Amino acid sequence: MNAALAARATASPAKRAQIDAALESLVQLDISSSEGDVLKETKLRDHIAFLAGEIELAYEKPTAAQYQVYDELKADAAAGEARLQSVLGAP
């Protein structure tokens, strides 16, 4: 995500739209305001920080259902990372 955000800052408008689409497939960034474009990076970082905080507060062994959700989210994250890499042209 950091690489995508860094590339977005210097990308052409067409490439920025591709990067935005790839990011929005991972995190909902639908902002309906005139300031929406400048809030994307902040909202994305806030969302990731929230998830990190939730994980750090877990002091119990995960349940079987939580492991299953983890596996699904891990697969989604890997697919999203692959989409971002294909948009950015990274190996």
PDB file of N, CA and C in Angstrom:
ATOM      1  N   MET A   1       0.821  -1.179   0.000  1.00  0.00           N
ATOM      2  CA  MET A   1       0.000   0.000   0.000  1.00  0.00           C
ATOM      3  C   MET A   1       0.870   1.251   0.000  1.00  0.00           C
ATOM      4  N   ASN A   2       1.940   1.224   0.781  1.00  0.00           N
ATOM      5  CA  ASN A   2       2.812   2.390   0.828  1.00  0.00           C
ATOM      6  C   ASN A   2       3.426   2.679  -0.537  1.00  0.00           C
ATOM      7  N   ALA A   3       3.836   1.630  -1.235  1.00  0.00           N
ATOM      8  CA  ALA A   3       4.412   1.819  -2.562  1.00  0.00           C
ATOM      9  C   ALA A   3       3.371   2.390  -3.525  1.00  0.00           C
ATOM     10  N   ALA A   4       2.135   1.913  -3.409  1.00  0.00           N
ATOM     11  CA  ALA A   4       1.067   2.419  -4.273  1.00  0.00           C
ATOM     12  C   ALA A   4       0.779   3.889  -3.982  1.00  0.00           C
ATOM     13  N   LEU A   5       0.748   4.259  -2.704  1.00  0.00           N
ATOM     14  CA  LEU A   5       0.502   5.654  -2.341  1.00  0.00           C
ATOM     15  C   LEU A   5       1.643   6.547  -2.807  1.00  0.00           C
ATOM     16  N   ALA A   6       2.870   6.058  -2.713  1.00  0.00           N
ATOM     17  CA  ALA A   6       4.020   6.845  -3.174  1.00  0.00           C
ATOM     18  C   ALA A   6       3.969   7.019  -4.695  1.00  0.00           C
ATOM     19  N   ALA A   7       3.638   5.955  -5.407  1.00  0.00           N
ATOM     20  CA  ALA A   7       3.553   6.035  -6.867  1.00  0.00           C
ATOM     21  C   ALA A   7       2.391   6.922  -7.298  1.00  0.00           C
ATOM     22  N   ARG A   8       1.310   6.902  -6.532  1.00  0.00           N
ATOM     23  CA  ARG A   8       0.125   7.707  -6.850  1.00  0.00           C
ATOM     24  C   ARG A   8       0.445   9.197  -6.856  1.00  0.00           C
ATOM     25  N   ALA A   9       1.341   9.614  -5.976  1.00  0.00           N
ATOM     26  CA  ALA A   9       1.673  11.033  -5.844  1.00  0.00           C
ATOM     27  C   ALA A   9       2.295  11.607  -7.112  1.00  0.00           C
ATOM     28  N   THR A  10       2.999  10.790  -7.876  1.00  0.00           N
ATOM     29  CA  THR A  10       3.676  11.285  -9.079  1.00  0.00           C
ATOM     30  C   THR A  10       3.103  10.700 -10.372  1.00  0.00           C
ATOM     31  N   ALA A  11       2.024   9.952 -10.265  1.00  0.00           N
ATOM     32  CA  ALA A  11       1.458   9.279 -11.437  1.00  0.00           C
ATOM     33  C   ALA A  11       0.631  10.233 -12.292  1.00  0.00           C
ATOM     34  N   SER A  12       0.494   9.851 -13.550  1.00  0.00           N
ATOM     35  CA  SER A  12      -0.394  10.595 -14.450  1.00  0.00           C
ATOM     36  C   SER A  12      -1.830  10.394 -13.995  1.00  0.00           C
ATOM     37  N   PRO A  13      -2.753  11.246 -14.444  1.00  0.00           N
ATOM     38  CA  PRO A  13      -4.157  11.072 -14.030  1.00  0.00           C
ATOM     39  C   PRO A  13      -4.716   9.689 -14.368  1.00  0.00           C
ATOM     40  N   ALA A  14      -4.363   9.148 -15.516  1.00  0.00           N
ATOM     41  CA  ALA A  14      -4.871   7.824 -15.900  1.00  0.00           C
ATOM     42  C   ALA A  14      -4.306   6.742 -14.982  1.00  0.00           C
ATOM     43  N   LYS A  15      -3.005   6.818 -14.699  1.00  0.00           N
ATOM     44  CA  LYS A  15      -2.372   5.835 -13.817  1.00  0.00           C
ATOM     45  C   LYS A  15      -2.898   5.988 -12.389  1.00  0.00           C
ATOM     46  N   ARG A  16      -3.132   7.249 -11.957  1.00  0.00           N
ATOM     47  CA  ARG A  16      -3.675   7.487 -10.620  1.00  0.00           C
ATOM     48  C   ARG A  16      -5.048   6.838 -10.483  1.00  0.00           C
ATOM     49  N   ALA A  17      -5.858   6.902 -11.532  1.00  0.00           N
ATOM     50  CA  ALA A  17      -7.179   6.269 -11.500  1.00  0.00           C
ATOM     51  C   ALA A  17      -7.053   4.755 -11.353  1.00  0.00           C
ATOM     52  N   GLN A  18      -6.067   4.166 -12.033  1.00  0.00           N
ATOM     53  CA  GLN A  18      -5.843   2.720 -11.912  1.00  0.00           C
ATOM     54  C   GLN A  18      -5.408   2.358 -10.492  1.00  0.00           C
ATOM     55  N   ILE A  19      -4.505   3.150  -9.933  1.00  0.00           N
ATOM     56  CA  ILE A  19      -4.036   2.899  -8.573  1.00  0.00           C
ATOM     57  C   ILE A  19      -5.191   3.046  -7.589  1.00  0.00           C
ATOM     58  N   ASP A  20      -6.000   4.106  -7.759  1.00  0.00           N
ATOM     59  CA  ASP A  20      -7.151   4.313  -6.885  1.00  0.00           C
ATOM     60  C   ASP A  20      -8.109   3.135  -6.943  1.00  0.00           C
ATOM     61  N   ALA A  21      -8.360   2.630  -8.147  1.00  0.00           N
ATOM     62  CA  ALA A  21      -9.275   1.493  -8.299  1.00  0.00           C
ATOM     63  C   ALA A  21      -8.733   0.265  -7.574  1.00  0.00           C
ATOM     64  N   ALA A  22      -7.427   0.033  -7.684  1.00  0.00           N
ATOM     65  CA  ALA A  22      -6.825  -1.115  -7.009  1.00  0.00           C
ATOM     66  C   ALA A  22      -6.899  -0.945  -5.490  1.00  0.00           C
ATOM     67  N   LEU A  23      -6.624   0.264  -4.994  1.00  0.00           N
ATOM     68  CA  LEU A  23      -6.707   0.518  -3.553  1.00  0.00           C
ATOM     69  C   LEU A  23      -8.139   0.395  -3.053  1.00  0.00           C
ATOM     70  N   GLU A  24      -9.084   0.927  -3.821  1.00  0.00           N
ATOM     71  CA  GLU A  24     -10.487   0.895  -3.402  1.00  0.00           C
ATOM     72  C   GLU A  24     -11.061  -0.512  -3.431  1.00  0.00           C
ATOM     73  N   SER A  25     -10.418  -1.420  -4.155  1.00  0.00           N
ATOM     74  CA  SER A  25     -10.878  -2.809  -4.123  1.00  0.00           C
ATOM     75  C   SER A  25     -10.482  -3.476  -2.810  1.00  0.00           C
ATOM     76  N   LEU A  26      -9.548  -2.857  -2.084  1.00  0.00           N
ATOM     77  CA  LEU A  26      -9.087  -3.401  -0.812  1.00  0.00           C
ATOM     78  C   LEU A  26      -9.704  -2.711   0.391  1.00  0.00           C
ATOM     79  N   VAL A  27      -9.904  -1.398   0.292  1.00  0.00           N
ATOM     80  CA  VAL A  27     -10.423  -0.599   1.393  1.00  0.00           C
ATOM     81  C   VAL A  27     -11.460   0.357   0.825  1.00  0.00           C
ATOM     82  N   GLN A  28     -12.613   0.445   1.469  1.00  0.00           N
ATOM     83  CA  GLN A  28     -13.646   1.352   0.982  1.00  0.00           C
ATOM     84  C   GLN A  28     -13.204   2.788   1.210  1.00  0.00           C
ATOM     85  N   LEU A  29     -13.067   3.524   0.124  1.00  0.00           N
ATOM     86  CA  LEU A  29     -12.646   4.912   0.190  1.00  0.00           C
ATOM     87  C   LEU A  29     -13.676   5.821  -0.478  1.00  0.00           C
ATOM     88  N   ASP A  30     -14.915   5.385  -0.525  1.00  0.00           N
ATOM     89  CA  ASP A  30     -15.967   6.155  -1.187  1.00  0.00           C
ATOM     90  C   ASP A  30     -16.281   7.394  -0.357  1.00  0.00           C
ATOM     91  N   ILE A  31     -15.733   8.511  -0.760  1.00  0.00           N
ATOM     92  CA  ILE A  31     -15.917   9.766  -0.044  1.00  0.00           C
ATOM     93  C   ILE A  31     -16.685  10.709  -0.960  1.00  0.00           C
ATOM     94  N   SER A  32     -17.823  11.155  -0.506  1.00  0.00           N
ATOM     95  CA  SER A  32     -18.671  12.025  -1.328  1.00  0.00           C
ATOM     96  C   SER A  32     -18.568  13.469  -0.852  1.00  0.00           C
ATOM     97  N   SER A  33     -17.425  14.065  -1.070  1.00  0.00           N
ATOM     98  CA  SER A  33     -17.251  15.469  -0.727  1.00  0.00           C
ATOM     99  C   SER A  33     -16.220  16.076  -1.661  1.00  0.00           C
ATOM    100  N   SER A  34     -16.143  17.384  -1.639  1.00  0.00           N
ATOM    101  CA  SER A  34     -15.174  18.061  -2.508  1.00  0.00           C
ATOM    102  C   SER A  34     -13.746  17.813  -2.033  1.00  0.00           C
ATOM    103  N   GLU A  35     -13.578  17.336  -0.804  1.00  0.00           N
ATOM    104  CA  GLU A  35     -12.250  17.080  -0.255  1.00  0.00           C
ATOM    105  C   GLU A  35     -11.869  15.602  -0.347  1.00  0.00           C
ATOM    106  N   GLY A  36     -12.680  14.813  -0.996  1.00  0.00           N
ATOM    107  CA  GLY A  36     -12.465  13.370  -1.035  1.00  0.00           C
ATOM    108  C   GLY A  36     -11.105  12.957  -1.541  1.00  0.00           C
ATOM    109  N   ASP A  37     -10.615  13.600  -2.592  1.00  0.00           N
ATOM    110  CA  ASP A  37      -9.333  13.212  -3.169  1.00  0.00           C
ATOM    111  C   ASP A  37      -8.172  13.406  -2.201  1.00  0.00           C
ATOM    112  N   VAL A  38      -8.208  14.435  -1.372  1.00  0.00           N
ATOM    113  CA  VAL A  38      -7.097  14.673  -0.452  1.00  0.00           C
ATOM    114  C   VAL A  38      -7.200  13.822   0.813  1.00  0.00           C
ATOM    115  N   LEU A  39      -8.335  13.182   1.027  1.00  0.00           N
ATOM    116  CA  LEU A  39      -8.530  12.370   2.229  1.00  0.00           C
ATOM    117  C   LEU A  39      -8.209  10.893   2.026  1.00  0.00           C
ATOM    118  N   LYS A  40      -7.994  10.451   0.787  1.00  0.00           N
ATOM    119  CA  LYS A  40      -7.794   9.024   0.521  1.00  0.00           C
ATOM    120  C   LYS A  40      -6.631   8.448   1.326  1.00  0.00           C
ATOM    121  N   GLU A  41      -5.474   9.075   1.269  1.00  0.00           N
ATOM    122  CA  GLU A  41      -4.314   8.534   1.969  1.00  0.00           C
ATOM    123  C   GLU A  41      -4.535   8.519   3.477  1.00  0.00           C
ATOM    124  N   THR A  42      -5.120   9.576   4.014  1.00  0.00           N
ATOM    125  CA  THR A  42      -5.383   9.646   5.450  1.00  0.00           C
ATOM    126  C   THR A  42      -6.367   8.571   5.875  1.00  0.00           C
ATOM    127  N   LYS A  43      -7.439   8.404   5.127  1.00  0.00           N
ATOM    128  CA  LYS A  43      -8.451   7.406   5.481  1.00  0.00           C
ATOM    129  C   LYS A  43      -7.874   5.998   5.400  1.00  0.00           C
ATOM    130  N   LEU A  44      -7.067   5.735   4.386  1.00  0.00           N
ATOM    131  CA  LEU A  44      -6.448   4.423   4.235  1.00  0.00           C
ATOM    132  C   LEU A  44      -5.528   4.127   5.419  1.00  0.00           C
ATOM    133  N   ARG A  45      -4.689   5.077   5.783  1.00  0.00           N
ATOM    134  CA  ARG A  45      -3.769   4.871   6.906  1.00  0.00           C
ATOM    135  C   ARG A  45      -4.532   4.711   8.229  1.00  0.00           C
ATOM    136  N   ASP A  46      -5.610   5.472   8.413  1.00  0.00           N
ATOM    137  CA  ASP A  46      -6.424   5.336   9.620  1.00  0.00           C
ATOM    138  C   ASP A  46      -7.042   3.944   9.706  1.00  0.00           C
ATOM    139  N   HIS A  47      -7.529   3.432   8.577  1.00  0.00           N
ATOM    140  CA  HIS A  47      -8.147   2.111   8.546  1.00  0.00           C
ATOM    141  C   HIS A  47      -7.127   1.027   8.910  1.00  0.00           C
ATOM    142  N   ILE A  48      -5.935   1.124   8.342  1.00  0.00           N
ATOM    143  CA  ILE A  48      -4.894   0.140   8.632  1.00  0.00           C
ATOM    144  C   ILE A  48      -4.466   0.235  10.098  1.00  0.00           C
ATOM    145  N   ALA A  49      -4.349   1.453  10.629  1.00  0.00           N
ATOM    146  CA  ALA A  49      -3.976   1.629  12.036  1.00  0.00           C
ATOM    147  C   ALA A  49      -5.043   1.042  12.961  1.00  0.00           C
ATOM    148  N   PHE A  50      -6.317   1.215  12.603  1.00  0.00           N
ATOM    149  CA  PHE A  50      -7.401   0.636  13.403  1.00  0.00           C
ATOM    150  C   PHE A  50      -7.288  -0.882  13.438  1.00  0.00           C
ATOM    151  N   LEU A  51      -7.064  -1.494  12.283  1.00  0.00           N
ATOM    152  CA  LEU A  51      -6.936  -2.953  12.240  1.00  0.00           C
ATOM    153  C   LEU A  51      -5.733  -3.421  13.054  1.00  0.00           C
ATOM    154  N   ALA A  52      -4.625  -2.705  12.969  1.00  0.00           N
ATOM    155  CA  ALA A  52      -3.441  -3.068  13.746  1.00  0.00           C
ATOM    156  C   ALA A  52      -3.728  -2.967  15.236  1.00  0.00           C
ATOM    157  N   GLY A  53      -4.449  -1.940  15.646  1.00  0.00           N
ATOM    158  CA  GLY A  53      -4.810  -1.785  17.050  1.00  0.00           C
ATOM    159  C   GLY A  53      -5.698  -2.899  17.542  1.00  0.00           C
ATOM    160  N   GLU A  54      -6.631  -3.324  16.725  1.00  0.00           N
ATOM    161  CA  GLU A  54      -7.522  -4.421  17.105  1.00  0.00           C
ATOM    162  C   GLU A  54      -6.745  -5.720  17.285  1.00  0.00           C
ATOM    163  N   ILE A  55      -5.788  -5.960  16.433  1.00  0.00           N
ATOM    164  CA  ILE A  55      -5.001  -7.188  16.513  1.00  0.00           C
ATOM    165  C   ILE A  55      -4.151  -7.192  17.779  1.00  0.00           C
ATOM    166  N   GLU A  56      -3.568  -6.047  18.113  1.00  0.00           N
ATOM    167  CA  GLU A  56      -2.686  -5.970  19.273  1.00  0.00           C
ATOM    168  C   GLU A  56      -3.439  -6.131  20.583  1.00  0.00           C
ATOM    169  N   LEU A  57      -4.751  -5.913  20.594  1.00  0.00           N
ATOM    170  CA  LEU A  57      -5.530  -6.040  21.823  1.00  0.00           C
ATOM    171  C   LEU A  57      -5.973  -7.478  22.098  1.00  0.00           C
ATOM    172  N   ALA A  58      -5.704  -8.378  21.182  1.00  0.00           N
ATOM    173  CA  ALA A  58      -6.138  -9.764  21.336  1.00  0.00           C
ATOM    174  C   ALA A  58      -5.121 -10.539  22.172  1.00  0.00           C
ATOM    175  N   TYR A  59      -5.544 -10.965  23.370  1.00  0.00           N
ATOM    176  CA  TYR A  59      -4.655 -11.700  24.254  1.00  0.00           C
ATOM    177  C   TYR A  59      -5.083 -13.160  24.405  1.00  0.00           C
ATOM    178  N   GLU A  60      -6.051 -13.591  23.628  1.00  0.00           N
ATOM    179  CA  GLU A  60      -6.541 -14.961  23.719  1.00  0.00           C
ATOM    180  C   GLU A  60      -6.209 -15.701  22.431  1.00  0.00           C
ATOM    181  N   LYS A  61      -6.139 -17.022  22.553  1.00  0.00           N
ATOM    182  CA  LYS A  61      -5.906 -17.843  21.369  1.00  0.00           C
ATOM    183  C   LYS A  61      -7.115 -17.702  20.449  1.00  0.00           C
ATOM    184  N   PRO A  62      -6.889 -17.491  19.153  1.00  0.00           N
ATOM    185  CA  PRO A  62      -8.010 -17.360  18.219  1.00  0.00           C
ATOM    186  C   PRO A  62      -8.847 -18.635  18.159  1.00  0.00           C
ATOM    187  N   THR A  63     -10.129 -18.453  17.890  1.00  0.00           N
ATOM    188  CA  THR A  63     -11.034 -19.586  17.730  1.00  0.00           C
ATOM    189  C   THR A  63     -10.884 -20.147  16.324  1.00  0.00           C
ATOM    190  N   ALA A  64     -11.510 -21.287  16.084  1.00  0.00           N
ATOM    191  CA  ALA A  64     -11.475 -21.887  14.745  1.00  0.00           C
ATOM    192  C   ALA A  64     -12.101 -20.942  13.716  1.00  0.00           C
ATOM    193  N   ALA A  65     -13.182 -20.279  14.105  1.00  0.00           N
ATOM    194  CA  ALA A  65     -13.835 -19.337  13.192  1.00  0.00           C
ATOM    195  C   ALA A  65     -12.910 -18.160  12.868  1.00  0.00           C
ATOM    196  N   GLN A  66     -12.163 -17.683  13.872  1.00  0.00           N
ATOM    197  CA  GLN A  66     -11.236 -16.584  13.630  1.00  0.00           C
ATOM    198  C   GLN A  66     -10.097 -17.017  12.713  1.00  0.00           C
ATOM    199  N   TYR A  67      -9.624 -18.243  12.873  1.00  0.00           N
ATOM    200  CA  TYR A  67      -8.609 -18.761  11.956  1.00  0.00           C
ATOM    201  C   TYR A  67      -9.143 -18.826  10.530  1.00  0.00           C
ATOM    202  N   GLN A  68     -10.396 -19.236  10.380  1.00  0.00           N
ATOM    203  CA  GLN A  68     -10.991 -19.318   9.052  1.00  0.00           C
ATOM    204  C   GLN A  68     -11.090 -17.929   8.421  1.00  0.00           C
ATOM    205  N   VAL A  69     -11.530 -16.956   9.201  1.00  0.00           N
ATOM    206  CA  VAL A  69     -11.609 -15.583   8.696  1.00  0.00           C
ATOM    207  C   VAL A  69     -10.218 -15.077   8.348  1.00  0.00           C
ATOM    208  N   TYR A  70      -9.231 -15.392   9.188  1.00  0.00           N
ATOM    209  CA  TYR A  70      -7.855 -14.990   8.910  1.00  0.00           C
ATOM    210  C   TYR A  70      -7.398 -15.540   7.562  1.00  0.00           C
ATOM    211  N   ASP A  71      -7.663 -16.814   7.319  1.00  0.00           N
ATOM    212  CA  ASP A  71      -7.260 -17.427   6.048  1.00  0.00           C
ATOM    213  C   ASP A  71      -7.920 -16.721   4.861  1.00  0.00           C
ATOM    214  N   GLU A  72      -9.208 -16.380   5.012  1.00  0.00           N
ATOM    215  CA  GLU A  72      -9.911 -15.675   3.937  1.00  0.00           C
ATOM    216  C   GLU A  72      -9.331 -14.278   3.717  1.00  0.00           C
ATOM    217  N   LEU A  73      -9.088 -13.555   4.804  1.00  0.00           N
ATOM    218  CA  LEU A  73      -8.533 -12.208   4.686  1.00  0.00           C
ATOM    219  C   LEU A  73      -7.104 -12.230   4.151  1.00  0.00           C
ATOM    220  N   LYS A  74      -6.346 -13.248   4.541  1.00  0.00           N
ATOM    221  CA  LYS A  74      -4.977 -13.373   4.038  1.00  0.00           C
ATOM    222  C   LYS A  74      -4.994 -13.597   2.530  1.00  0.00           C
ATOM    223  N   ALA A  75      -5.911 -14.426   2.048  1.00  0.00           N
ATOM    224  CA  ALA A  75      -6.034 -14.665   0.609  1.00  0.00           C
ATOM    225  C   ALA A  75      -6.472 -13.392  -0.110  1.00  0.00           C
ATOM    226  N   ASP A  76      -7.426 -12.658   0.487  1.00  0.00           N
ATOM    227  CA  ASP A  76      -7.864 -11.383  -0.104  1.00  0.00           C
ATOM    228  C   ASP A  76      -6.712 -10.388  -0.162  1.00  0.00           C
ATOM    229  N   ALA A  77      -5.926 -10.320   0.904  1.00  0.00           N
ATOM    230  CA  ALA A  77      -4.796  -9.391   0.944  1.00  0.00           C
ATOM    231  C   ALA A  77      -3.750  -9.759  -0.106  1.00  0.00           C
ATOM    232  N   ALA A  78      -3.478 -11.042  -0.267  1.00  0.00           N
ATOM    233  CA  ALA A  78      -2.508 -11.484  -1.269  1.00  0.00           C
ATOM    234  C   ALA A  78      -2.994 -11.148  -2.675  1.00  0.00           C
ATOM    235  N   ALA A  79      -4.285 -11.356  -2.924  1.00  0.00           N
ATOM    236  CA  ALA A  79      -4.844 -11.011  -4.243  1.00  0.00           C
ATOM    237  C   ALA A  79      -4.794  -9.499  -4.467  1.00  0.00           C
ATOM    238  N   GLY A  80      -5.090  -8.732  -3.424  1.00  0.00           N
ATOM    239  CA  GLY A  80      -5.030  -7.275  -3.540  1.00  0.00           C
ATOM    240  C   GLY A  80      -3.621  -6.782  -3.781  1.00  0.00           C
ATOM    241  N   GLU A  81      -2.665  -7.385  -3.098  1.00  0.00           N
ATOM    242  CA  GLU A  81      -1.262  -7.010  -3.309  1.00  0.00           C
ATOM    243  C   GLU A  81      -0.832  -7.327  -4.738  1.00  0.00           C
ATOM    244  N   ALA A  82      -1.284  -8.457  -5.256  1.00  0.00           N
ATOM    245  CA  ALA A  82      -0.958  -8.812  -6.640  1.00  0.00           C
ATOM    246  C   ALA A  82      -1.568  -7.804  -7.612  1.00  0.00           C
ATOM    247  N   ARG A  83      -2.819  -7.356  -7.339  1.00  0.00           N
ATOM    248  CA  ARG A  83      -3.434  -6.339  -8.199  1.00  0.00           C
ATOM    249  C   ARG A  83      -2.647  -5.040  -8.161  1.00  0.00           C
ATOM    250  N   LEU A  84      -2.247  -4.626  -6.962  1.00  0.00           N
ATOM    251  CA  LEU A  84      -1.461  -3.393  -6.838  1.00  0.00           C
ATOM    252  C   LEU A  84      -0.129  -3.521  -7.587  1.00  0.00           C
ATOM    253  N   GLN A  85       0.525  -4.663  -7.439  1.00  0.00           N
ATOM    254  CA  GLN A  85       1.800  -4.859  -8.130  1.00  0.00           C
ATOM    255  C   GLN A  85       1.631  -4.847  -9.648  1.00  0.00           C
ATOM    256  N   SER A  86       0.521  -5.402 -10.133  1.00  0.00           N
ATOM    257  CA  SER A  86       0.302  -5.397 -11.588  1.00  0.00           C
ATOM    258  C   SER A  86       0.039  -3.990 -12.092  1.00  0.00           C
ATOM    259  N   VAL A  87      -0.669  -3.169 -11.298  1.00  0.00           N
ATOM    260  CA  VAL A  87      -0.927  -1.783 -11.694  1.00  0.00           C
ATOM    261  C   VAL A  87       0.360  -0.969 -11.666  1.00  0.00           C
ATOM    262  N   LEU A  88       1.183  -1.209 -10.647  1.00  0.00           N
ATOM    263  CA  LEU A  88       2.421  -0.464 -10.504  1.00  0.00           C
ATOM    264  C   LEU A  88       3.527  -0.977 -11.425  1.00  0.00           C
ATOM    265  N   GLY A  89       3.322  -2.161 -11.975  1.00  0.00           N
ATOM    266  CA  GLY A  89       4.330  -2.746 -12.851  1.00  0.00           C
ATOM    267  C   GLY A  89       5.463  -3.382 -12.080  1.00  0.00           C
ATOM    268  N   ALA A  90       5.244  -3.715 -10.825  1.00  0.00           N
ATOM    269  CA  ALA A  90       6.271  -4.335  -9.990  1.00  0.00           C
ATOM    270  C   ALA A  90       6.270  -5.844 -10.220  1.00  0.00           C
ATOM    271  N   PRO A  91       7.408  -6.487  -9.961  1.00  0.00           N
ATOM    272  CA  PRO A  91       7.490  -7.946 -10.145  1.00  0.00           C
ATOM    273  C   PRO A  91       6.700  -8.694  -9.097  1.00  0.00           C
TER     274      PRO A  91
END
